[in-house]
PDB file of N, CA and C in Angstrom:
ATOM      1  N   MET A   1     -21.201   2.930   8.596  1.00  0.00           N
ATOM      2  CA  MET A   1     -20.378   1.829   9.056  1.00  0.00           C
ATOM      3  C   MET A   1     -19.277   1.495   8.042  1.00  0.00           C
ATOM      4  N   ARG A   2     -19.663   1.470   6.767  1.00  0.00           N
ATOM      5  CA  ARG A   2     -18.682   1.152   5.726  1.00  0.00           C
ATOM      6  C   ARG A   2     -17.574   2.193   5.673  1.00  0.00           C
ATOM      7  N   THR A   3     -17.956   3.460   5.772  1.00  0.00           N
ATOM      8  CA  THR A   3     -16.968   4.536   5.685  1.00  0.00           C
ATOM      9  C   THR A   3     -15.993   4.482   6.854  1.00  0.00           C
ATOM     10  N   VAL A   4     -16.501   4.216   8.037  1.00  0.00           N
ATOM     11  CA  VAL A   4     -15.648   4.144   9.227  1.00  0.00           C
ATOM     12  C   VAL A   4     -14.683   2.966   9.104  1.00  0.00           C
ATOM     13  N   LEU A   5     -15.179   1.824   8.706  1.00  0.00           N
ATOM     14  CA  LEU A   5     -14.327   0.640   8.569  1.00  0.00           C
ATOM     15  C   LEU A   5     -13.280   0.839   7.477  1.00  0.00           C
ATOM     16  N   PHE A   6     -13.680   1.416   6.345  1.00  0.00           N
ATOM     17  CA  PHE A   6     -12.740   1.698   5.261  1.00  0.00           C
ATOM     18  C   PHE A   6     -11.644   2.658   5.728  1.00  0.00           C
ATOM     19  N   THR A   7     -12.042   3.716   6.424  1.00  0.00           N
ATOM     20  CA  THR A   7     -11.072   4.704   6.914  1.00  0.00           C
ATOM     21  C   THR A   7     -10.113   4.081   7.908  1.00  0.00           C
ATOM     22  N   LEU A   8     -10.616   3.248   8.800  1.00  0.00           N
ATOM     23  CA  LEU A   8      -9.751   2.587   9.780  1.00  0.00           C
ATOM     24  C   LEU A   8      -8.742   1.658   9.098  1.00  0.00           C
ATOM     25  N   LEU A   9      -9.181   0.920   8.115  1.00  0.00           N
ATOM     26  CA  LEU A   9      -8.268   0.017   7.406  1.00  0.00           C
ATOM     27  C   LEU A   9      -7.212   0.787   6.627  1.00  0.00           C
ATOM     28  N   LEU A  10      -7.625   1.835   5.923  1.00  0.00           N
ATOM     29  CA  LEU A  10      -6.677   2.609   5.128  1.00  0.00           C
ATOM     30  C   LEU A  10      -5.684   3.355   6.018  1.00  0.00           C
ATOM     31  N   LEU A  11      -6.159   3.967   7.090  1.00  0.00           N
ATOM     32  CA  LEU A  11      -5.251   4.677   8.006  1.00  0.00           C
ATOM     33  C   LEU A  11      -4.346   3.708   8.761  1.00  0.00           C
ATOM     34  N   GLY A  12      -4.870   2.549   9.121  1.00  0.00           N
ATOM     35  CA  GLY A  12      -4.039   1.543   9.774  1.00  0.00           C
ATOM     36  C   GLY A  12      -2.913   1.077   8.874  1.00  0.00           C
ATOM     37  N   HIS A  13      -3.220   0.886   7.608  1.00  0.00           N
ATOM     38  CA  HIS A  13      -2.203   0.483   6.644  1.00  0.00           C
ATOM     39  C   HIS A  13      -1.164   1.593   6.477  1.00  0.00           C
ATOM     40  N   ALA A  14      -1.626   2.834   6.403  1.00  0.00           N
ATOM     41  CA  ALA A  14      -0.700   3.968   6.267  1.00  0.00           C
ATOM     42  C   ALA A  14       0.202   4.084   7.496  1.00  0.00           C
ATOM     43  N   LEU A  15      -0.343   3.865   8.676  1.00  0.00           N
ATOM     44  CA  LEU A  15       0.479   3.923   9.897  1.00  0.00           C
ATOM     45  C   LEU A  15       1.502   2.794   9.930  1.00  0.00           C
ATOM     46  N   LEU A  16       1.116   1.619   9.480  1.00  0.00           N
ATOM     47  CA  LEU A  16       2.078   0.517   9.414  1.00  0.00           C
ATOM     48  C   LEU A  16       3.226   0.845   8.459  1.00  0.00           C
ATOM     49  N   ILE A  17       2.909   1.475   7.339  1.00  0.00           N
ATOM     50  CA  ILE A  17       3.954   1.867   6.397  1.00  0.00           C
ATOM     51  C   ILE A  17       4.863   2.916   7.025  1.00  0.00           C
ATOM     52  N   ALA A  18       4.273   3.881   7.717  1.00  0.00           N
ATOM     53  CA  ALA A  18       5.057   4.955   8.319  1.00  0.00           C
ATOM     54  C   ALA A  18       5.984   4.445   9.427  1.00  0.00           C
ATOM     55  N   PHE A  19       5.519   3.463  10.201  1.00  0.00           N
ATOM     56  CA  PHE A  19       6.307   2.969  11.329  1.00  0.00           C
ATOM     57  C   PHE A  19       7.037   1.663  11.023  1.00  0.00           C
ATOM     58  N   ALA A  20       7.091   1.260   9.766  1.00  0.00           N
ATOM     59  CA  ALA A  20       7.761   0.017   9.387  1.00  0.00           C
ATOM     60  C   ALA A  20       9.223  -0.047   9.810  1.00  0.00           C
ATOM     61  N   PRO A  21       9.984   1.057   9.744  1.00  0.00           N
ATOM     62  CA  PRO A  21      11.393   0.952  10.174  1.00  0.00           C
ATOM     63  C   PRO A  21      11.565   0.612  11.653  1.00  0.00           C
ATOM     64  N   TYR A  22      10.552   0.819  12.446  1.00  0.00           N
ATOM     65  CA  TYR A  22      10.642   0.571  13.885  1.00  0.00           C
ATOM     66  C   TYR A  22      10.060  -0.768  14.296  1.00  0.00           C
ATOM     67  N   LEU A  23       9.579  -1.530  13.338  1.00  0.00           N
ATOM     68  CA  LEU A  23       8.954  -2.822  13.613  1.00  0.00           C
ATOM     69  C   LEU A  23       9.959  -3.945  13.393  1.00  0.00           C
ATOM     70  N   PRO A  24       9.676  -5.154  13.880  1.00  0.00           N
ATOM     71  CA  PRO A  24      10.574  -6.293  13.618  1.00  0.00           C
ATOM     72  C   PRO A  24      10.763  -6.512  12.116  1.00  0.00           C
ATOM     73  N   ASP A  25      11.906  -7.075  11.772  1.00  0.00           N
ATOM     74  CA  ASP A  25      12.290  -7.211  10.362  1.00  0.00           C
ATOM     75  C   ASP A  25      11.286  -7.996   9.527  1.00  0.00           C
ATOM     76  N   THR A  26      10.734  -9.063  10.056  1.00  0.00           N
ATOM     77  CA  THR A  26       9.803  -9.866   9.258  1.00  0.00           C
ATOM     78  C   THR A  26       8.521  -9.091   8.968  1.00  0.00           C
ATOM     79  N   LEU A  27       8.028  -8.356   9.950  1.00  0.00           N
ATOM     80  CA  LEU A  27       6.822  -7.557   9.735  1.00  0.00           C
ATOM     81  C   LEU A  27       7.118  -6.383   8.808  1.00  0.00           C
ATOM     82  N   ALA A  28       8.280  -5.769   8.967  1.00  0.00           N
ATOM     83  CA  ALA A  28       8.668  -4.657   8.096  1.00  0.00           C
ATOM     84  C   ALA A  28       8.802  -5.127   6.648  1.00  0.00           C
ATOM     85  N   ALA A  29       9.305  -6.323   6.441  1.00  0.00           N
ATOM     86  CA  ALA A  29       9.426  -6.863   5.085  1.00  0.00           C
ATOM     87  C   ALA A  29       8.052  -7.088   4.452  1.00  0.00           C
ATOM     88  N   ALA A  30       7.107  -7.561   5.233  1.00  0.00           N
ATOM     89  CA  ALA A  30       5.747  -7.760   4.715  1.00  0.00           C
ATOM     90  C   ALA A  30       5.105  -6.418   4.365  1.00  0.00           C
ATOM     91  N   ILE A  31       5.350  -5.423   5.181  1.00  0.00           N
ATOM     92  CA  ILE A  31       4.798  -4.091   4.905  1.00  0.00           C
ATOM     93  C   ILE A  31       5.451  -3.497   3.662  1.00  0.00           C
ATOM     94  N   ALA A  32       6.758  -3.682   3.517  1.00  0.00           N
ATOM     95  CA  ALA A  32       7.447  -3.209   2.307  1.00  0.00           C
ATOM     96  C   ALA A  32       6.884  -3.917   1.075  1.00  0.00           C
ATOM     97  N   GLY A  33       6.548  -5.178   1.218  1.00  0.00           N
ATOM     98  CA  GLY A  33       5.927  -5.903   0.117  1.00  0.00           C
ATOM     99  C   GLY A  33       4.585  -5.316  -0.263  1.00  0.00           C
ATOM    100  N   SER A  34       3.850  -4.807   0.722  1.00  0.00           N
ATOM    101  CA  SER A  34       2.557  -4.196   0.420  1.00  0.00           C
ATOM    102  C   SER A  34       2.718  -2.881  -0.331  1.00  0.00           C
ATOM    103  N   VAL A  35       3.916  -2.314  -0.299  1.00  0.00           N
ATOM    104  CA  VAL A  35       4.198  -1.102  -1.069  1.00  0.00           C
ATOM    105  C   VAL A  35       4.729  -1.464  -2.455  1.00  0.00           C
ATOM    106  N   TYR A  36       5.729  -2.343  -2.509  1.00  0.00           N
ATOM    107  CA  TYR A  36       6.419  -2.603  -3.772  1.00  0.00           C
ATOM    108  C   TYR A  36       5.694  -3.587  -4.687  1.00  0.00           C
ATOM    109  N   LEU A  37       4.999  -4.569  -4.144  1.00  0.00           N
ATOM    110  CA  LEU A  37       4.329  -5.551  -5.006  1.00  0.00           C
ATOM    111  C   LEU A  37       3.267  -4.938  -5.918  1.00  0.00           C
ATOM    112  N   PRO A  38       2.408  -4.026  -5.431  1.00  0.00           N
ATOM    113  CA  PRO A  38       1.448  -3.421  -6.367  1.00  0.00           C
ATOM    114  C   PRO A  38       2.110  -2.506  -7.400  1.00  0.00           C
ATOM    115  N   LEU A  39       3.297  -1.978  -7.079  1.00  0.00           N
ATOM    116  CA  LEU A  39       3.947  -1.055  -8.006  1.00  0.00           C
ATOM    117  C   LEU A  39       4.720  -1.759  -9.115  1.00  0.00           C
ATOM    118  N   TRP A  40       5.166  -2.986  -8.902  1.00  0.00           N
ATOM    119  CA  TRP A  40       5.941  -3.697  -9.919  1.00  0.00           C
ATOM    120  C   TRP A  40       5.190  -3.865 -11.230  1.00  0.00           C
ATOM    121  N   PRO A  41       3.933  -4.329 -11.232  1.00  0.00           N
ATOM    122  CA  PRO A  41       3.236  -4.443 -12.519  1.00  0.00           C
ATOM    123  C   PRO A  41       3.020  -3.082 -13.179  1.00  0.00           C
ATOM    124  N   LEU A  42       2.787  -2.052 -12.375  1.00  0.00           N
ATOM    125  CA  LEU A  42       2.598  -0.720 -12.940  1.00  0.00           C
ATOM    126  C   LEU A  42       3.898  -0.202 -13.556  1.00  0.00           C
ATOM    127  N   SER A  43       5.014  -0.537 -12.922  1.00  0.00           N
ATOM    128  CA  SER A  43       6.314  -0.172 -13.478  1.00  0.00           C
ATOM    129  C   SER A  43       6.576  -0.926 -14.783  1.00  0.00           C
ATOM    130  N   ALA A  44       6.150  -2.173 -14.840  1.00  0.00           N
ATOM    131  CA  ALA A  44       6.332  -2.969 -16.060  1.00  0.00           C
ATOM    132  C   ALA A  44       5.511  -2.408 -17.225  1.00  0.00           C
ATOM    133  N   LEU A  45       4.427  -1.708 -16.899  1.00  0.00           N
ATOM    134  CA  LEU A  45       3.628  -1.067 -17.938  1.00  0.00           C
ATOM    135  C   LEU A  45       4.273   0.227 -18.435  1.00  0.00           C
ATOM    136  N   GLY A  46       5.364   0.638 -17.783  1.00  0.00           N
ATOM    137  CA  GLY A  46       6.079   1.828 -18.226  1.00  0.00           C
ATOM    138  C   GLY A  46       5.767   3.080 -17.434  1.00  0.00           C
ATOM    139  N   LEU A  47       4.970   2.949 -16.380  1.00  0.00           N
ATOM    140  CA  LEU A  47       4.656   4.119 -15.563  1.00  0.00           C
ATOM    141  C   LEU A  47       5.833   4.439 -14.648  1.00  0.00           C
ATOM    142  N   PRO A  48       6.171   5.704 -14.482  1.00  0.00           N
ATOM    143  CA  PRO A  48       7.306   6.077 -13.626  1.00  0.00           C
ATOM    144  C   PRO A  48       6.916   6.085 -12.144  1.00  0.00           C
ATOM    145  N   VAL A  49       6.766   4.922 -11.561  1.00  0.00           N
ATOM    146  CA  VAL A  49       6.301   4.820 -10.178  1.00  0.00           C
ATOM    147  C   VAL A  49       7.433   4.815  -9.162  1.00  0.00           C
ATOM    148  N   TYR A  50       8.683   4.796  -9.638  1.00  0.00           N
ATOM    149  CA  TYR A  50       9.838   4.812  -8.741  1.00  0.00           C
ATOM    150  C   TYR A  50      10.694   6.042  -9.015  1.00  0.00           C
ATOM    151  N   THR A  51      11.380   6.518  -7.972  1.00  0.00           N
ATOM    152  CA  THR A  51      12.341   7.599  -8.133  1.00  0.00           C
ATOM    153  C   THR A  51      13.673   7.012  -8.581  1.00  0.00           C
ATOM    154  N   GLN A  52      14.628   7.873  -8.825  1.00  0.00           N
ATOM    155  CA  GLN A  52      15.977   7.436  -9.197  1.00  0.00           C
ATOM    156  C   GLN A  52      16.605   6.684  -8.031  1.00  0.00           C
ATOM    157  N   ALA A  53      17.124   5.507  -8.282  1.00  0.00           N
ATOM    158  CA  ALA A  53      17.708   4.679  -7.224  1.00  0.00           C
ATOM    159  C   ALA A  53      19.094   5.197  -6.850  1.00  0.00           C
ATOM    160  N   GLU A  54      19.374   5.167  -5.553  1.00  0.00           N
ATOM    161  CA  GLU A  54      20.718   5.470  -5.107  1.00  0.00           C
ATOM    162  C   GLU A  54      21.577   4.224  -5.316  1.00  0.00           C
ATOM    163  N   ALA A  55      22.876   4.378  -5.223  1.00  0.00           N
ATOM    164  CA  ALA A  55      23.784   3.256  -5.468  1.00  0.00           C
ATOM    165  C   ALA A  55      23.483   2.100  -4.527  1.00  0.00           C
ATOM    166  N   TRP A  56      23.249   0.939  -5.086  1.00  0.00           N
ATOM    167  CA  TRP A  56      23.018  -0.306  -4.359  1.00  0.00           C
ATOM    168  C   TRP A  56      21.820  -0.236  -3.412  1.00  0.00           C
ATOM    169  N   GLY A  57      20.843   0.550  -3.745  1.00  0.00           N
ATOM    170  CA  GLY A  57      19.686   0.657  -2.865  1.00  0.00           C
ATOM    171  C   GLY A  57      18.381   0.463  -3.619  1.00  0.00           C
ATOM    172  N   TRP A  58      17.314   0.433  -2.855  1.00  0.00           N
ATOM    173  CA  TRP A  58      15.984   0.330  -3.432  1.00  0.00           C
ATOM    174  C   TRP A  58      15.527   1.702  -3.888  1.00  0.00           C
ATOM    175  N   SER A  59      14.777   1.743  -4.947  1.00  0.00           N
ATOM    176  CA  SER A  59      14.162   2.992  -5.386  1.00  0.00           C
ATOM    177  C   SER A  59      12.933   3.249  -4.548  1.00  0.00           C
ATOM    178  N   ASN A  60      12.761   4.471  -4.132  1.00  0.00           N
ATOM    179  CA  ASN A  60      11.551   4.847  -3.404  1.00  0.00           C
ATOM    180  C   ASN A  60      10.430   5.092  -4.396  1.00  0.00           C
ATOM    181  N   PRO A  61       9.180   4.925  -3.965  1.00  0.00           N
ATOM    182  CA  PRO A  61       8.082   5.277  -4.862  1.00  0.00           C
ATOM    183  C   PRO A  61       8.095   6.776  -5.159  1.00  0.00           C
ATOM    184  N   SER A  62       7.748   7.124  -6.377  1.00  0.00           N
ATOM    185  CA  SER A  62       7.625   8.533  -6.758  1.00  0.00           C
ATOM    186  C   SER A  62       6.267   9.053  -6.270  1.00  0.00           C
ATOM    187  N   ARG A  63       6.010  10.307  -6.538  1.00  0.00           N
ATOM    188  CA  ARG A  63       4.688  10.852  -6.157  1.00  0.00           C
ATOM    189  C   ARG A  63       3.573  10.115  -6.889  1.00  0.00           C
ATOM    190  N   LEU A  64       3.807   9.832  -8.158  1.00  0.00           N
ATOM    191  CA  LEU A  64       2.824   9.038  -8.911  1.00  0.00           C
ATOM    192  C   LEU A  64       2.680   7.653  -8.295  1.00  0.00           C
ATOM    193  N   GLY A  65       3.804   7.059  -7.885  1.00  0.00           N
ATOM    194  CA  GLY A  65       3.765   5.738  -7.261  1.00  0.00           C
ATOM    195  C   GLY A  65       2.961   5.737  -5.975  1.00  0.00           C
ATOM    196  N   TRP A  66       3.180   6.744  -5.123  1.00  0.00           N
ATOM    197  CA  TRP A  66       2.405   6.825  -3.879  1.00  0.00           C
ATOM    198  C   TRP A  66       0.927   7.039  -4.171  1.00  0.00           C
ATOM    199  N   GLY A  67       0.627   7.871  -5.158  1.00  0.00           N
ATOM    200  CA  GLY A  67      -0.773   8.095  -5.520  1.00  0.00           C
ATOM    201  C   GLY A  67      -1.446   6.834  -6.031  1.00  0.00           C
ATOM    202  N   LEU A  68      -0.747   6.103  -6.898  1.00  0.00           N
ATOM    203  CA  LEU A  68      -1.311   4.853  -7.413  1.00  0.00           C
ATOM    204  C   LEU A  68      -1.404   3.783  -6.329  1.00  0.00           C
ATOM    205  N   LEU A  69      -0.471   3.822  -5.398  1.00  0.00           N
ATOM    206  CA  LEU A  69      -0.533   2.883  -4.277  1.00  0.00           C
ATOM    207  C   LEU A  69      -1.786   3.136  -3.439  1.00  0.00           C
ATOM    208  N   VAL A  70      -2.113   4.395  -3.201  1.00  0.00           N
ATOM    209  CA  VAL A  70      -3.332   4.733  -2.463  1.00  0.00           C
ATOM    210  C   VAL A  70      -4.559   4.261  -3.240  1.00  0.00           C
ATOM    211  N   VAL A  71      -4.547   4.421  -4.549  1.00  0.00           N
ATOM    212  CA  VAL A  71      -5.679   3.972  -5.374  1.00  0.00           C
ATOM    213  C   VAL A  71      -5.828   2.457  -5.305  1.00  0.00           C
ATOM    214  N   VAL A  72      -4.719   1.736  -5.437  1.00  0.00           N
ATOM    215  CA  VAL A  72      -4.771   0.264  -5.417  1.00  0.00           C
ATOM    216  C   VAL A  72      -5.277  -0.226  -4.065  1.00  0.00           C
ATOM    217  N   TRP A  73      -4.698   0.274  -2.965  1.00  0.00           N
ATOM    218  CA  TRP A  73      -5.114  -0.205  -1.660  1.00  0.00           C
ATOM    219  C   TRP A  73      -6.507   0.281  -1.287  1.00  0.00           C
ATOM    220  N   SER A  74      -6.922   1.429  -1.794  1.00  0.00           N
ATOM    221  CA  SER A  74      -8.304   1.866  -1.567  1.00  0.00           C
ATOM    222  C   SER A  74      -9.275   0.902  -2.234  1.00  0.00           C
ATOM    223  N   ALA A  75      -8.926   0.447  -3.423  1.00  0.00           N
ATOM    224  CA  ALA A  75      -9.781  -0.533  -4.107  1.00  0.00           C
ATOM    225  C   ALA A  75      -9.819  -1.851  -3.342  1.00  0.00           C
ATOM    226  N   VAL A  76      -8.670  -2.295  -2.856  1.00  0.00           N
ATOM    227  CA  VAL A  76      -8.616  -3.547  -2.086  1.00  0.00           C
ATOM    228  C   VAL A  76      -9.455  -3.423  -0.823  1.00  0.00           C
ATOM    229  N   TRP A  77      -9.270  -2.346  -0.075  1.00  0.00           N
ATOM    230  CA  TRP A  77     -10.015  -2.189   1.186  1.00  0.00           C
ATOM    231  C   TRP A  77     -11.503  -1.976   0.927  1.00  0.00           C
ATOM    232  N   THR A  78     -11.866  -1.370  -0.209  1.00  0.00           N
ATOM    233  CA  THR A  78     -13.282  -1.214  -0.546  1.00  0.00           C
ATOM    234  C   THR A  78     -13.933  -2.576  -0.767  1.00  0.00           C
ATOM    235  N   VAL A  79     -13.238  -3.459  -1.459  1.00  0.00           N
ATOM    236  CA  VAL A  79     -13.767  -4.811  -1.688  1.00  0.00           C
ATOM    237  C   VAL A  79     -13.877  -5.571  -0.366  1.00  0.00           C
ATOM    238  N   VAL A  80     -12.866  -5.431   0.494  1.00  0.00           N
ATOM    239  CA  VAL A  80     -12.896  -6.110   1.794  1.00  0.00           C
ATOM    240  C   VAL A  80     -14.065  -5.606   2.635  1.00  0.00           C
ATOM    241  N   VAL A  81     -14.236  -4.296   2.693  1.00  0.00           N
ATOM    242  CA  VAL A  81     -15.325  -3.718   3.485  1.00  0.00           C
ATOM    243  C   VAL A  81     -16.679  -4.127   2.916  1.00  0.00           C
ATOM    244  N   ALA A  82     -16.812  -4.120   1.600  1.00  0.00           N
ATOM    245  CA  ALA A  82     -18.078  -4.536   0.983  1.00  0.00           C
ATOM    246  C   ALA A  82     -18.390  -5.984   1.322  1.00  0.00           C
ATOM    247  N   GLY A  83     -17.380  -6.829   1.287  1.00  0.00           N
ATOM    248  CA  GLY A  83     -17.595  -8.236   1.638  1.00  0.00           C
ATOM    249  C   GLY A  83     -17.961  -8.420   3.095  1.00  0.00           C
ATOM    250  N   LEU A  84     -17.288  -7.691   3.981  1.00  0.00           N
ATOM    251  CA  LEU A  84     -17.586  -7.811   5.413  1.00  0.00           C
ATOM    252  C   LEU A  84     -18.972  -7.287   5.750  1.00  0.00           C
ATOM    253  N   THR A  85     -19.353  -6.168   5.173  1.00  0.00           N
ATOM    254  CA  THR A  85     -20.674  -5.602   5.493  1.00  0.00           C
ATOM    255  C   THR A  85     -21.788  -6.405   4.840  1.00  0.00           C
ATOM    256  N   ARG A  86     -21.536  -6.967   3.676  1.00  0.00           N
ATOM    257  CA  ARG A  86     -22.554  -7.799   3.037  1.00  0.00           C
ATOM    258  C   ARG A  86     -22.743  -9.093   3.834  1.00  0.00           C
ATOM    259  N   HIS A  87     -21.642  -9.653   4.315  1.00  0.00           N
ATOM    260  CA  HIS A  87     -21.711 -10.877   5.117  1.00  0.00           C
ATOM    261  C   HIS A  87     -22.403 -10.619   6.455  1.00  0.00           C
ATOM    262  N   ARG A  88     -22.263  -9.439   6.984  1.00  0.00           N
ATOM    263  CA  ARG A  88     -22.831  -9.099   8.295  1.00  0.00           C
ATOM    264  C   ARG A  88     -24.350  -8.955   8.246  1.00  0.00           C
ATOM    265  N   ARG A  89     -24.892  -8.597   7.097  1.00  0.00           N
ATOM    266  CA  ARG A  89     -26.336  -8.388   7.012  1.00  0.00           C
ATOM    267  C   ARG A  89     -27.053  -9.649   7.242  1.00  0.00           C
TER     268      ARG A  89
END
């Protein structure tokens, strides 16, 4: 049960990120925040989590940034799933 719920949450989050450009602006902004907010502290630590920015644009996450983003959100969803399954017992 935990594995299924964790997988659904992680894949749902990934799908929201993938389809963010096609969603309403307010929802797309919240999804973009779920990408950039966890990376800002990691960038402040000196990790190269962003690619080279184009003129007047946002920097995209680098491969390291995407990998660390998966780690951060996996930890968040693991805690959520543990809390939900513990509460359900």
